[in-house]
Protein backbone atom coordinates (compact mmCIF):
# COMPACT_ATOMS: atom_id res chain seq x y z
CA UNK A 1 -1.99 -21.62 21.79
CA UNK A 2 -1.07 -19.34 18.92
CA UNK A 3 0.26 -20.80 15.67
CA UNK A 4 2.34 -18.34 13.68
CA UNK A 5 1.91 -18.29 9.92
CA UNK A 6 5.48 -18.67 8.70
CA UNK A 7 5.87 -16.71 5.43
CA UNK A 8 8.69 -19.06 4.26
CA UNK A 9 10.74 -16.36 2.53
CA UNK A 10 14.14 -16.17 4.25
CA UNK A 11 15.29 -17.02 7.74
CA UNK A 12 15.60 -13.31 8.53
CA UNK A 13 12.10 -12.39 7.37
CA UNK A 14 10.52 -15.53 8.81
CA UNK A 15 12.09 -14.92 12.24
CA UNK A 16 11.07 -11.25 12.10
CA UNK A 17 7.46 -12.22 11.36
CA UNK A 18 7.38 -14.53 14.38
CA UNK A 19 9.17 -11.95 16.57
CA UNK A 20 6.55 -9.36 15.59
CA UNK A 21 3.81 -11.76 16.67
CA UNK A 22 5.60 -12.43 19.96
CA UNK A 23 5.81 -8.72 20.73
CA UNK A 24 2.05 -8.65 21.26
CA UNK A 25 1.91 -11.60 23.65
CA UNK A 26 1.80 -11.03 27.41
CA UNK A 27 3.12 -13.63 29.80
CA UNK A 28 5.57 -16.49 29.39
CA UNK A 29 6.12 -17.85 25.89
CA UNK A 30 7.16 -21.34 24.82
CA UNK A 31 8.12 -21.60 21.15
CA UNK A 32 7.94 -24.89 19.26
CA UNK A 33 9.65 -25.33 15.91
CA UNK A 34 9.65 -28.32 13.58
CA UNK A 35 12.46 -28.82 11.06
CA UNK A 36 13.38 -25.41 9.58
CA UNK A 37 11.08 -23.87 12.19
CA UNK A 38 13.78 -24.63 14.75
CA UNK A 39 16.06 -22.06 13.15
CA UNK A 40 13.15 -19.62 12.95
CA UNK A 41 12.28 -19.86 16.66
CA UNK A 42 15.95 -19.58 17.64
CA UNK A 43 16.21 -16.25 15.85
CA UNK A 44 12.72 -15.01 16.74
CA UNK A 45 13.37 -15.50 20.46
CA UNK A 46 16.48 -13.31 20.60
CA UNK A 47 15.97 -10.31 22.84
CA UNK A 48 12.48 -11.31 23.99
CA UNK A 49 12.50 -11.77 27.77
CA UNK A 50 9.05 -13.37 27.61
CA UNK A 51 10.41 -16.43 25.82
CA UNK A 52 10.98 -19.02 28.53
CA UNK A 53 11.64 -22.15 26.45
CA UNK A 54 12.40 -23.34 22.95
CA UNK A 55 11.22 -26.80 21.88
CA UNK A 56 12.77 -28.40 18.79
CA UNK A 57 10.78 -31.19 17.11
CA UNK A 58 13.10 -32.85 14.60
CA UNK A 59 14.35 -29.32 14.21
CA UNK A 60 17.47 -27.39 13.41
CA UNK A 61 19.07 -25.57 16.32
CA UNK A 62 21.82 -23.42 14.82
CA UNK A 63 24.55 -22.06 17.04
CA UNK A 64 25.62 -18.42 16.81
CA UNK A 65 26.90 -17.84 13.28
CA UNK A 66 25.53 -21.13 11.88
CA UNK A 67 22.71 -21.48 9.39
CA UNK A 68 20.52 -24.34 8.20
CA UNK A 69 22.69 -25.30 5.19
CA UNK A 70 25.76 -25.38 7.47
CA UNK A 71 24.01 -27.82 9.78
CA UNK A 72 22.73 -30.00 6.96
CA UNK A 73 26.24 -30.29 5.53
CA UNK A 74 27.74 -31.53 8.81
CA UNK A 75 26.34 -35.03 8.56
CA UNK A 76 27.67 -37.20 5.72
CA UNK A 77 24.99 -39.42 4.26
CA UNK A 78 22.12 -37.20 5.39
CA UNK A 79 19.65 -36.63 2.56
CA UNK A 80 17.69 -33.65 3.87
CA UNK A 81 20.17 -31.12 2.48
CA UNK A 82 19.42 -32.21 -1.08
CA UNK A 83 15.80 -31.13 -0.58
CA UNK A 84 16.43 -27.77 1.10
CA UNK A 85 17.24 -24.78 -1.05
């Protein structure tokens, strides 16, 4: 098990940091992301044939062209969006 240190800067830089870590791993890879980490693993996995599964734990799983704020705004009454900036 390898736990990536997420720099928590932007989705682009966070995903790139995880993707860089993945580049050095041999064999099948299963990524697990919690909350915002779901968006990070979605983007980090792109183009890496070694990634065999993505596991979302109370996570965000954006579709192509979506981002975390888009997802948070889709659900009226949800309070998480007020705490994410």
